[in-house]
Amino acid sequence: MKEGGGPVSNFKRLTGDTAREILEMAGKEDTRDNVEVLLHYTILHANEIGQPSGQDLSEAVEEHKEPPPKRDAAVTPAC
């Protein structure tokens, strides 16, 4: 597949290898569909393995949750 622009041209900058080289090592044809699958798995790998420890998004979300609103003791619920 032609590496003229977009994600395919950035693949080498991000990984050090061209998409064509990786597909060749995997025994896959250099087609648009195979490049899209390769990019998908590369992104998944980067998100799961490549992130620095302690930067898990779910942990960050838990740390920044808004506390529940305080209830005023003087206010009684309506019946």
N, C-alpha and C. Protein backbone atom coordinates (compact mmCIF):
# COMPACT_ATOMS: atom_id res chain seq x y z
N MET A 1 0.85 -1.17 0.00
CA MET A 1 0.00 0.00 0.00
C MET A 1 0.89 1.24 0.00
N LYS A 2 0.50 2.24 -0.72
CA LYS A 2 1.27 3.48 -0.83
C LYS A 2 1.29 4.21 0.51
N GLU A 3 2.47 4.68 0.91
CA GLU A 3 2.60 5.38 2.18
C GLU A 3 2.64 6.87 1.97
N GLY A 4 1.68 7.40 1.22
CA GLY A 4 1.71 8.80 0.85
C GLY A 4 1.26 9.77 1.92
N GLY A 5 0.43 9.37 2.84
CA GLY A 5 -0.05 10.32 3.83
C GLY A 5 -0.87 9.68 4.90
N GLY A 6 -1.25 10.49 5.85
CA GLY A 6 -2.10 10.03 6.93
C GLY A 6 -1.41 9.10 7.89
N PRO A 7 -2.19 8.22 8.52
CA PRO A 7 -1.64 7.34 9.55
C PRO A 7 -0.53 6.43 9.05
N VAL A 8 -0.61 6.01 7.79
CA VAL A 8 0.41 5.11 7.26
C VAL A 8 1.77 5.78 7.21
N SER A 9 1.82 7.04 6.83
CA SER A 9 3.10 7.74 6.78
C SER A 9 3.65 8.00 8.17
N ASN A 10 2.80 8.12 9.15
CA ASN A 10 3.25 8.34 10.52
C ASN A 10 3.62 7.05 11.23
N PHE A 11 3.25 5.91 10.67
CA PHE A 11 3.53 4.62 11.30
C PHE A 11 5.02 4.44 11.55
N LYS A 12 5.86 4.74 10.55
CA LYS A 12 7.30 4.57 10.71
C LYS A 12 7.84 5.54 11.76
N ARG A 13 7.35 6.75 11.77
CA ARG A 13 7.80 7.72 12.76
C ARG A 13 7.48 7.24 14.17
N LEU A 14 6.34 6.60 14.34
CA LEU A 14 5.92 6.15 15.66
C LEU A 14 6.56 4.84 16.09
N THR A 15 6.80 3.93 15.13
CA THR A 15 7.26 2.58 15.48
C THR A 15 8.69 2.29 15.07
N GLY A 16 9.23 3.03 14.11
CA GLY A 16 10.57 2.74 13.62
C GLY A 16 10.57 1.79 12.44
N ASP A 17 9.45 1.20 12.12
CA ASP A 17 9.30 0.28 10.98
C ASP A 17 8.17 0.77 10.10
N THR A 18 8.23 0.43 8.82
CA THR A 18 7.12 0.77 7.94
C THR A 18 6.02 -0.28 8.11
N ALA A 19 4.81 0.11 7.80
CA ALA A 19 3.70 -0.84 7.85
C ALA A 19 3.96 -2.01 6.90
N ARG A 20 4.54 -1.72 5.76
CA ARG A 20 4.86 -2.76 4.78
C ARG A 20 5.82 -3.80 5.38
N GLU A 21 6.85 -3.34 6.12
CA GLU A 21 7.81 -4.26 6.73
C GLU A 21 7.14 -5.17 7.76
N ILE A 22 6.28 -4.59 8.57
CA ILE A 22 5.59 -5.38 9.60
C ILE A 22 4.65 -6.39 8.96
N LEU A 23 3.91 -5.96 7.94
CA LEU A 23 3.00 -6.89 7.25
C LEU A 23 3.78 -8.02 6.60
N GLU A 24 4.93 -7.69 6.03
CA GLU A 24 5.77 -8.71 5.40
C GLU A 24 6.25 -9.72 6.43
N MET A 25 6.69 -9.24 7.61
CA MET A 25 7.12 -10.15 8.68
C MET A 25 5.98 -11.05 9.15
N ALA A 26 4.76 -10.52 9.09
CA ALA A 26 3.58 -11.28 9.52
C ALA A 26 3.04 -12.19 8.43
N GLY A 27 3.61 -12.09 7.24
CA GLY A 27 3.14 -12.93 6.14
C GLY A 27 1.81 -12.46 5.56
N LYS A 28 1.53 -11.17 5.70
CA LYS A 28 0.27 -10.61 5.20
C LYS A 28 0.52 -9.75 3.97
N GLU A 29 -0.49 -9.66 3.11
CA GLU A 29 -0.39 -8.80 1.93
C GLU A 29 -0.48 -7.34 2.35
N ASP A 30 0.10 -6.48 1.54
CA ASP A 30 0.08 -5.04 1.79
C ASP A 30 -1.19 -4.44 1.19
N THR A 31 -2.31 -4.64 1.90
CA THR A 31 -3.60 -4.11 1.45
C THR A 31 -4.10 -3.09 2.46
N ARG A 32 -5.04 -2.28 2.03
CA ARG A 32 -5.62 -1.26 2.92
C ARG A 32 -6.24 -1.91 4.16
N ASP A 33 -6.97 -3.00 3.98
CA ASP A 33 -7.61 -3.66 5.12
C ASP A 33 -6.57 -4.16 6.13
N ASN A 34 -5.49 -4.76 5.63
CA ASN A 34 -4.46 -5.27 6.53
C ASN A 34 -3.74 -4.13 7.25
N VAL A 35 -3.52 -3.01 6.57
CA VAL A 35 -2.88 -1.86 7.21
C VAL A 35 -3.79 -1.30 8.30
N GLU A 36 -5.10 -1.25 8.05
CA GLU A 36 -6.03 -0.76 9.06
C GLU A 36 -6.02 -1.66 10.29
N VAL A 37 -5.99 -2.97 10.09
CA VAL A 37 -5.93 -3.90 11.22
C VAL A 37 -4.61 -3.73 11.97
N LEU A 38 -3.51 -3.58 11.23
CA LEU A 38 -2.21 -3.36 11.85
C LEU A 38 -2.21 -2.09 12.70
N LEU A 39 -2.76 -1.01 12.17
CA LEU A 39 -2.83 0.24 12.93
C LEU A 39 -3.70 0.07 14.18
N HIS A 40 -4.80 -0.64 14.04
CA HIS A 40 -5.70 -0.87 15.17
C HIS A 40 -4.95 -1.59 16.29
N TYR A 41 -4.27 -2.69 15.96
CA TYR A 41 -3.56 -3.44 16.99
C TYR A 41 -2.36 -2.68 17.54
N THR A 42 -1.73 -1.86 16.72
CA THR A 42 -0.62 -1.04 17.20
C THR A 42 -1.10 -0.04 18.24
N ILE A 43 -2.25 0.57 17.99
CA ILE A 43 -2.82 1.54 18.93
C ILE A 43 -3.23 0.84 20.23
N LEU A 44 -3.86 -0.34 20.11
CA LEU A 44 -4.24 -1.08 21.31
C LEU A 44 -3.01 -1.42 22.15
N HIS A 45 -1.95 -1.88 21.48
CA HIS A 45 -0.73 -2.22 22.18
C HIS A 45 -0.13 -0.99 22.88
N ALA A 46 -0.09 0.11 22.17
CA ALA A 46 0.46 1.34 22.76
C ALA A 46 -0.35 1.78 23.96
N ASN A 47 -1.65 1.65 23.89
CA ASN A 47 -2.52 2.07 24.99
C ASN A 47 -2.38 1.15 26.21
N GLU A 48 -2.20 -0.14 25.99
CA GLU A 48 -2.14 -1.07 27.10
C GLU A 48 -0.74 -1.29 27.64
N ILE A 49 0.24 -1.37 26.77
CA ILE A 49 1.59 -1.72 27.19
C ILE A 49 2.49 -0.49 27.28
N GLY A 50 2.30 0.44 26.37
CA GLY A 50 3.23 1.55 26.25
C GLY A 50 3.03 2.70 27.22
N GLN A 51 1.93 2.74 27.92
CA GLN A 51 1.71 3.88 28.81
C GLN A 51 2.54 3.74 30.07
N PRO A 52 3.04 4.83 30.60
CA PRO A 52 3.81 4.77 31.84
C PRO A 52 2.94 4.27 32.99
N SER A 53 3.55 3.55 33.92
CA SER A 53 2.77 3.04 35.04
C SER A 53 2.23 4.22 35.85
N GLY A 54 1.06 4.01 36.41
CA GLY A 54 0.43 5.06 37.19
C GLY A 54 -0.38 6.03 36.37
N GLN A 55 -0.48 5.80 35.07
CA GLN A 55 -1.25 6.70 34.22
C GLN A 55 -2.44 5.99 33.60
N ASP A 56 -3.01 5.06 34.33
CA ASP A 56 -4.19 4.35 33.86
C ASP A 56 -5.37 5.31 33.90
N LEU A 57 -6.09 5.41 32.80
CA LEU A 57 -7.20 6.37 32.71
C LEU A 57 -8.25 6.09 33.77
N SER A 58 -8.57 4.83 34.03
CA SER A 58 -9.61 4.53 35.02
C SER A 58 -9.19 5.01 36.41
N GLU A 59 -7.88 4.90 36.73
CA GLU A 59 -7.41 5.41 38.03
C GLU A 59 -7.52 6.93 38.08
N ALA A 60 -7.19 7.59 37.00
CA ALA A 60 -7.25 9.05 36.96
C ALA A 60 -8.69 9.53 37.11
N VAL A 61 -9.63 8.84 36.50
CA VAL A 61 -11.04 9.21 36.60
C VAL A 61 -11.51 9.05 38.04
N GLU A 62 -11.13 7.95 38.69
CA GLU A 62 -11.53 7.71 40.07
C GLU A 62 -10.98 8.79 40.99
N GLU A 63 -9.73 9.22 40.77
CA GLU A 63 -9.11 10.23 41.62
C GLU A 63 -9.78 11.59 41.50
N HIS A 64 -10.37 11.90 40.36
CA HIS A 64 -10.92 13.22 40.11
C HIS A 64 -12.45 13.26 40.15
N LYS A 65 -13.05 12.26 40.74
CA LYS A 65 -14.51 12.27 40.84
C LYS A 65 -14.95 13.37 41.79
N GLU A 66 -16.05 13.98 41.45
CA GLU A 66 -16.63 15.01 42.32
C GLU A 66 -17.22 14.32 43.55
N PRO A 67 -16.97 14.85 44.72
CA PRO A 67 -17.60 14.25 45.91
C PRO A 67 -19.10 14.48 45.86
N PRO A 68 -19.87 13.61 46.48
CA PRO A 68 -21.32 13.82 46.47
C PRO A 68 -21.66 15.11 47.20
N PRO A 69 -22.72 15.78 46.80
CA PRO A 69 -23.07 17.04 47.46
C PRO A 69 -23.39 16.80 48.93
N LYS A 70 -22.96 17.75 49.76
CA LYS A 70 -23.23 17.63 51.20
C LYS A 70 -24.69 17.93 51.46
N ARG A 71 -25.25 17.16 52.34
CA ARG A 71 -26.65 17.39 52.70
C ARG A 71 -26.69 18.32 53.90
N ASP A 72 -27.56 19.28 53.83
CA ASP A 72 -27.72 20.22 54.94
C ASP A 72 -28.54 19.54 56.03
N ALA A 73 -27.99 19.48 57.23
CA ALA A 73 -28.67 18.81 58.35
C ALA A 73 -29.99 19.49 58.73
N ALA A 74 -30.13 20.80 58.46
CA ALA A 74 -31.32 21.52 58.84
C ALA A 74 -32.48 21.25 57.88
N VAL A 75 -32.18 20.76 56.69
CA VAL A 75 -33.23 20.51 55.71
C VAL A 75 -33.74 19.10 55.89
N THR A 76 -35.07 18.97 56.03
CA THR A 76 -35.66 17.66 56.14
C THR A 76 -36.36 17.32 54.84
N PRO A 77 -36.32 16.06 54.44
CA PRO A 77 -36.96 15.69 53.18
C PRO A 77 -38.47 15.89 53.24
N ALA A 78 -39.06 16.28 52.15
CA ALA A 78 -40.52 16.44 52.07
C ALA A 78 -41.17 15.10 51.98
N CYS A 79 -42.32 14.97 52.66
CA CYS A 79 -43.04 13.69 52.64
C CYS A 79 -44.13 13.67 51.64
